Amino acid sequence: MSNIVKIYEEISIQSIVYENGDYEAEINCTLKYKNKNIRTKLMISQTDLNRLLAKLNCQGYEFGEDFIESHYLEDGTELIEFNFENKQQHAIHNFQFMNTYTQIGA
């Protein structure tokens, strides 16, 4: 795992998963930079997650009930998933993360 450089032109999110009460969320996304698409996973803070969702909302993205799924594990843990895969894709431009993040992958 390594810190990623925050150089990208846009972000397209495929899905977001987080555990209820956790401080971080995992986003599966595509970063676009110089006509290259890099599909990756990032761990981001809840603050940046809220900022991303607010930015999407301002761009006209509507969050319906079919968009969010809750999964309950045997120990009572709730996982929340936002799935953008089969929905209209919205690219996010000019977004600056508040923190440095870690890219998940080999």
N, C-alpha and C. Protein backbone atom coordinates (compact mmCIF):
# COMPACT_ATOMS: atom_id res chain seq x y z
N MET A 1 0.84 -1.17 0.00
CA MET A 1 0.00 0.00 0.00
C MET A 1 0.89 1.24 0.00
N SER A 2 0.49 2.21 -0.79
CA SER A 2 1.28 3.43 -0.87
C SER A 2 0.36 4.62 -0.96
N ASN A 3 0.87 5.78 -0.59
CA ASN A 3 0.10 6.99 -0.74
C ASN A 3 -0.02 7.33 -2.21
N ILE A 4 -1.20 7.75 -2.64
CA ILE A 4 -1.35 8.11 -4.03
C ILE A 4 -1.14 9.60 -4.19
N VAL A 5 -0.70 9.98 -5.37
CA VAL A 5 -0.53 11.40 -5.69
C VAL A 5 -1.88 11.93 -6.12
N LYS A 6 -2.27 13.06 -5.60
CA LYS A 6 -3.57 13.62 -5.90
C LYS A 6 -3.55 14.40 -7.21
N ILE A 7 -3.13 13.75 -8.27
CA ILE A 7 -3.13 14.38 -9.59
C ILE A 7 -4.13 13.62 -10.44
N TYR A 8 -5.27 14.23 -10.69
CA TYR A 8 -6.28 13.63 -11.54
C TYR A 8 -7.17 14.75 -12.05
N GLU A 9 -7.82 14.48 -13.16
CA GLU A 9 -8.71 15.47 -13.75
C GLU A 9 -10.15 15.28 -13.28
N GLU A 10 -10.53 14.02 -13.09
CA GLU A 10 -11.88 13.72 -12.62
C GLU A 10 -11.91 12.37 -11.92
N ILE A 11 -12.97 12.20 -11.13
CA ILE A 11 -13.20 10.95 -10.41
C ILE A 11 -14.59 10.46 -10.80
N SER A 12 -14.69 9.19 -11.17
CA SER A 12 -15.98 8.55 -11.39
C SER A 12 -16.09 7.43 -10.37
N ILE A 13 -17.15 7.45 -9.58
CA ILE A 13 -17.31 6.49 -8.49
C ILE A 13 -18.20 5.34 -8.95
N GLN A 14 -17.74 4.10 -8.72
CA GLN A 14 -18.55 2.93 -9.02
C GLN A 14 -19.32 2.46 -7.79
N SER A 15 -18.68 2.47 -6.62
CA SER A 15 -19.38 2.08 -5.40
C SER A 15 -18.66 2.64 -4.18
N ILE A 16 -19.41 2.69 -3.09
CA ILE A 16 -18.88 3.14 -1.79
C ILE A 16 -19.38 2.14 -0.75
N VAL A 17 -18.49 1.69 0.12
CA VAL A 17 -18.87 0.77 1.19
C VAL A 17 -18.26 1.27 2.49
N TYR A 18 -19.08 1.28 3.55
CA TYR A 18 -18.52 1.61 4.86
C TYR A 18 -19.32 0.92 5.95
N GLU A 19 -18.67 0.75 7.08
CA GLU A 19 -19.30 0.15 8.25
C GLU A 19 -19.91 1.26 9.08
N ASN A 20 -21.15 1.06 9.50
CA ASN A 20 -21.84 2.07 10.29
C ASN A 20 -21.03 2.38 11.55
N GLY A 21 -20.72 3.64 11.77
CA GLY A 21 -19.94 4.05 12.93
C GLY A 21 -18.45 4.09 12.69
N ASP A 22 -18.00 3.67 11.51
CA ASP A 22 -16.57 3.66 11.20
C ASP A 22 -16.15 5.05 10.75
N TYR A 23 -14.85 5.33 10.82
CA TYR A 23 -14.33 6.64 10.44
C TYR A 23 -13.90 6.73 8.99
N GLU A 24 -13.84 5.59 8.30
CA GLU A 24 -13.39 5.58 6.91
C GLU A 24 -14.38 4.83 6.03
N ALA A 25 -14.33 5.13 4.74
CA ALA A 25 -15.15 4.44 3.75
C ALA A 25 -14.25 4.03 2.60
N GLU A 26 -14.62 2.94 1.94
CA GLU A 26 -13.88 2.47 0.78
C GLU A 26 -14.65 2.89 -0.47
N ILE A 27 -13.97 3.57 -1.38
CA ILE A 27 -14.61 3.90 -2.65
C ILE A 27 -13.90 3.17 -3.78
N ASN A 28 -14.70 2.54 -4.64
CA ASN A 28 -14.20 1.94 -5.87
C ASN A 28 -14.44 2.99 -6.93
N CYS A 29 -13.38 3.44 -7.56
CA CYS A 29 -13.51 4.57 -8.47
C CYS A 29 -12.56 4.47 -9.65
N THR A 30 -12.77 5.34 -10.60
CA THR A 30 -11.87 5.49 -11.73
C THR A 30 -11.34 6.91 -11.71
N LEU A 31 -10.02 7.05 -11.66
CA LEU A 31 -9.38 8.36 -11.72
C LEU A 31 -8.96 8.60 -13.17
N LYS A 32 -9.29 9.75 -13.70
CA LYS A 32 -8.90 10.07 -15.07
C LYS A 32 -7.80 11.11 -15.03
N TYR A 33 -6.72 10.84 -15.77
CA TYR A 33 -5.60 11.78 -15.84
C TYR A 33 -4.93 11.62 -17.19
N LYS A 34 -4.85 12.69 -17.93
CA LYS A 34 -4.22 12.71 -19.25
C LYS A 34 -4.73 11.57 -20.14
N ASN A 35 -6.03 11.49 -20.30
CA ASN A 35 -6.70 10.50 -21.15
C ASN A 35 -6.46 9.06 -20.73
N LYS A 36 -5.99 8.83 -19.50
CA LYS A 36 -5.84 7.48 -18.97
C LYS A 36 -6.85 7.29 -17.85
N ASN A 37 -7.48 6.13 -17.84
CA ASN A 37 -8.41 5.78 -16.77
C ASN A 37 -7.75 4.76 -15.86
N ILE A 38 -7.69 5.07 -14.58
CA ILE A 38 -7.06 4.20 -13.60
C ILE A 38 -8.14 3.76 -12.62
N ARG A 39 -8.54 2.49 -12.71
CA ARG A 39 -9.54 1.96 -11.79
C ARG A 39 -8.83 1.56 -10.50
N THR A 40 -9.34 2.03 -9.35
CA THR A 40 -8.66 1.80 -8.09
C THR A 40 -9.66 1.81 -6.93
N LYS A 41 -9.17 1.49 -5.75
CA LYS A 41 -9.93 1.59 -4.50
C LYS A 41 -9.19 2.55 -3.58
N LEU A 42 -9.94 3.41 -2.91
CA LEU A 42 -9.36 4.35 -1.96
C LEU A 42 -10.09 4.25 -0.63
N MET A 43 -9.36 4.43 0.45
CA MET A 43 -9.96 4.56 1.77
C MET A 43 -9.99 6.05 2.08
N ILE A 44 -11.20 6.59 2.31
CA ILE A 44 -11.34 8.02 2.56
C ILE A 44 -12.06 8.24 3.89
N SER A 45 -11.95 9.44 4.42
CA SER A 45 -12.62 9.77 5.69
C SER A 45 -14.11 9.98 5.46
N GLN A 46 -14.88 9.89 6.54
CA GLN A 46 -16.32 10.17 6.46
C GLN A 46 -16.55 11.62 6.03
N THR A 47 -15.67 12.52 6.43
CA THR A 47 -15.79 13.92 6.03
C THR A 47 -15.70 14.05 4.52
N ASP A 48 -14.70 13.42 3.92
CA ASP A 48 -14.57 13.49 2.47
C ASP A 48 -15.69 12.72 1.76
N LEU A 49 -16.18 11.65 2.38
CA LEU A 49 -17.32 10.95 1.81
C LEU A 49 -18.53 11.88 1.75
N ASN A 50 -18.80 12.58 2.83
CA ASN A 50 -19.92 13.53 2.86
C ASN A 50 -19.72 14.63 1.83
N ARG A 51 -18.50 15.10 1.67
CA ARG A 51 -18.21 16.14 0.69
C ARG A 51 -18.43 15.62 -0.74
N LEU A 52 -18.00 14.37 -1.01
CA LEU A 52 -18.22 13.77 -2.34
C LEU A 52 -19.70 13.63 -2.64
N LEU A 53 -20.47 13.12 -1.67
CA LEU A 53 -21.91 12.95 -1.87
C LEU A 53 -22.60 14.30 -2.06
N ALA A 54 -22.18 15.31 -1.32
CA ALA A 54 -22.75 16.65 -1.48
C ALA A 54 -22.43 17.22 -2.87
N LYS A 55 -21.21 16.99 -3.34
CA LYS A 55 -20.82 17.46 -4.68
C LYS A 55 -21.68 16.78 -5.75
N LEU A 56 -21.90 15.46 -5.61
CA LEU A 56 -22.76 14.74 -6.55
C LEU A 56 -24.19 15.28 -6.50
N ASN A 57 -24.66 15.55 -5.30
CA ASN A 57 -26.01 16.09 -5.13
C ASN A 57 -26.14 17.45 -5.82
N CYS A 58 -25.13 18.28 -5.69
CA CYS A 58 -25.13 19.61 -6.33
C CYS A 58 -25.10 19.50 -7.86
N GLN A 59 -24.53 18.40 -8.37
CA GLN A 59 -24.47 18.18 -9.81
C GLN A 59 -25.76 17.55 -10.35
N GLY A 60 -26.74 17.32 -9.47
CA GLY A 60 -28.03 16.81 -9.90
C GLY A 60 -28.23 15.32 -9.73
N TYR A 61 -27.28 14.63 -9.10
CA TYR A 61 -27.44 13.19 -8.88
C TYR A 61 -28.49 12.97 -7.82
N GLU A 62 -29.46 12.08 -8.10
CA GLU A 62 -30.52 11.79 -7.15
C GLU A 62 -30.26 10.44 -6.48
N PHE A 63 -30.33 10.43 -5.17
CA PHE A 63 -30.08 9.22 -4.39
C PHE A 63 -31.42 8.60 -4.01
N GLY A 64 -31.83 7.55 -4.74
CA GLY A 64 -33.08 6.87 -4.46
C GLY A 64 -32.86 5.70 -3.51
N GLU A 65 -33.98 5.09 -3.09
CA GLU A 65 -33.90 3.96 -2.16
C GLU A 65 -33.18 2.76 -2.77
N ASP A 66 -33.28 2.59 -4.09
CA ASP A 66 -32.63 1.45 -4.75
C ASP A 66 -31.12 1.65 -4.88
N PHE A 67 -30.66 2.81 -4.52
CA PHE A 67 -29.25 3.17 -4.65
C PHE A 67 -28.44 2.73 -3.43
N ILE A 68 -29.07 2.68 -2.24
CA ILE A 68 -28.38 2.37 -1.00
C ILE A 68 -28.85 1.02 -0.47
N GLU A 69 -27.90 0.15 -0.11
CA GLU A 69 -28.21 -1.15 0.47
C GLU A 69 -27.54 -1.27 1.83
N SER A 70 -28.28 -1.83 2.79
CA SER A 70 -27.72 -2.13 4.10
C SER A 70 -27.59 -3.63 4.25
N HIS A 71 -26.46 -4.07 4.76
CA HIS A 71 -26.20 -5.49 5.00
C HIS A 71 -25.87 -5.64 6.48
N TYR A 72 -26.54 -6.57 7.16
CA TYR A 72 -26.28 -6.81 8.58
C TYR A 72 -25.52 -8.11 8.75
N LEU A 73 -24.42 -8.05 9.45
CA LEU A 73 -23.61 -9.23 9.74
C LEU A 73 -24.13 -9.90 11.01
N GLU A 74 -23.70 -11.13 11.27
CA GLU A 74 -24.17 -11.88 12.43
C GLU A 74 -23.88 -11.20 13.76
N ASP A 75 -22.80 -10.42 13.81
CA ASP A 75 -22.44 -9.75 15.07
C ASP A 75 -23.18 -8.41 15.25
N GLY A 76 -24.11 -8.08 14.35
CA GLY A 76 -24.87 -6.84 14.46
C GLY A 76 -24.28 -5.67 13.70
N THR A 77 -23.13 -5.86 13.10
CA THR A 77 -22.48 -4.80 12.33
C THR A 77 -23.29 -4.50 11.08
N GLU A 78 -23.47 -3.23 10.79
CA GLU A 78 -24.18 -2.82 9.58
C GLU A 78 -23.19 -2.28 8.55
N LEU A 79 -23.23 -2.85 7.34
CA LEU A 79 -22.45 -2.34 6.22
C LEU A 79 -23.39 -1.61 5.28
N ILE A 80 -23.01 -0.42 4.88
CA ILE A 80 -23.81 0.39 3.97
C ILE A 80 -23.09 0.47 2.64
N GLU A 81 -23.82 0.22 1.55
CA GLU A 81 -23.23 0.25 0.22
C GLU A 81 -24.02 1.18 -0.69
N PHE A 82 -23.30 2.08 -1.32
CA PHE A 82 -23.85 2.94 -2.36
C PHE A 82 -23.35 2.36 -3.69
N ASN A 83 -24.25 2.00 -4.59
CA ASN A 83 -23.85 1.37 -5.84
C ASN A 83 -24.18 2.28 -7.02
N PHE A 84 -23.14 2.75 -7.70
CA PHE A 84 -23.31 3.63 -8.85
C PHE A 84 -23.20 2.88 -10.17
N GLU A 85 -22.87 1.57 -10.14
CA GLU A 85 -22.54 0.80 -11.34
C GLU A 85 -23.62 0.88 -12.42
N ASN A 86 -24.87 0.67 -12.07
CA ASN A 86 -25.93 0.63 -13.07
C ASN A 86 -26.71 1.93 -13.14
N LYS A 87 -26.16 2.96 -12.59
CA LYS A 87 -26.82 4.27 -12.57
C LYS A 87 -26.11 5.20 -13.53
N GLN A 88 -26.70 6.36 -13.72
CA GLN A 88 -26.06 7.36 -14.55
C GLN A 88 -24.75 7.81 -13.90
N GLN A 89 -23.66 7.74 -14.65
CA GLN A 89 -22.35 8.11 -14.12
C GLN A 89 -22.19 9.63 -14.12
N HIS A 90 -21.67 10.14 -13.03
CA HIS A 90 -21.35 11.55 -12.91
C HIS A 90 -19.87 11.67 -12.58
N ALA A 91 -19.15 12.37 -13.41
CA ALA A 91 -17.74 12.62 -13.13
C ALA A 91 -17.65 13.81 -12.20
N ILE A 92 -16.77 13.70 -11.23
CA ILE A 92 -16.56 14.80 -10.27
C ILE A 92 -15.27 15.50 -10.66
N HIS A 93 -15.39 16.79 -10.92
CA HIS A 93 -14.25 17.62 -11.31
C HIS A 93 -13.91 18.57 -10.16
N ASN A 94 -12.65 18.99 -10.12
CA ASN A 94 -12.20 20.00 -9.15
C ASN A 94 -12.51 19.64 -7.71
N PHE A 95 -12.31 18.38 -7.35
CA PHE A 95 -12.51 17.96 -5.97
C PHE A 95 -11.15 17.74 -5.32
N GLN A 96 -10.96 18.34 -4.18
CA GLN A 96 -9.72 18.18 -3.43
C GLN A 96 -10.02 17.45 -2.14
N PHE A 97 -9.38 16.30 -1.93
CA PHE A 97 -9.52 15.59 -0.67
C PHE A 97 -8.86 16.40 0.44
N MET A 98 -9.42 16.31 1.63
CA MET A 98 -8.87 17.04 2.76
C MET A 98 -7.64 16.35 3.35
N ASN A 99 -7.51 15.04 3.12
CA ASN A 99 -6.41 14.27 3.68
C ASN A 99 -5.68 13.52 2.57
N THR A 100 -4.51 13.00 2.91
CA THR A 100 -3.79 12.11 2.00
C THR A 100 -4.35 10.72 2.17
N TYR A 101 -4.57 10.00 1.08
CA TYR A 101 -5.20 8.70 1.16
C TYR A 101 -4.32 7.59 0.66
N THR A 102 -4.72 6.39 1.02
CA THR A 102 -3.97 5.21 0.65
C THR A 102 -4.71 4.46 -0.44
N GLN A 103 -3.98 4.11 -1.49
CA GLN A 103 -4.54 3.31 -2.56
C GLN A 103 -4.44 1.85 -2.15
N ILE A 104 -5.52 1.10 -2.33
CA ILE A 104 -5.53 -0.32 -1.98
C ILE A 104 -5.23 -1.10 -3.24
N GLY A 105 -4.25 -1.96 -3.19
CA GLY A 105 -3.94 -2.79 -4.35
C GLY A 105 -2.49 -3.17 -4.37
N ALA A 106 -2.17 -4.02 -5.34
CA ALA A 106 -0.78 -4.50 -5.47
C ALA A 106 0.00 -3.63 -6.41
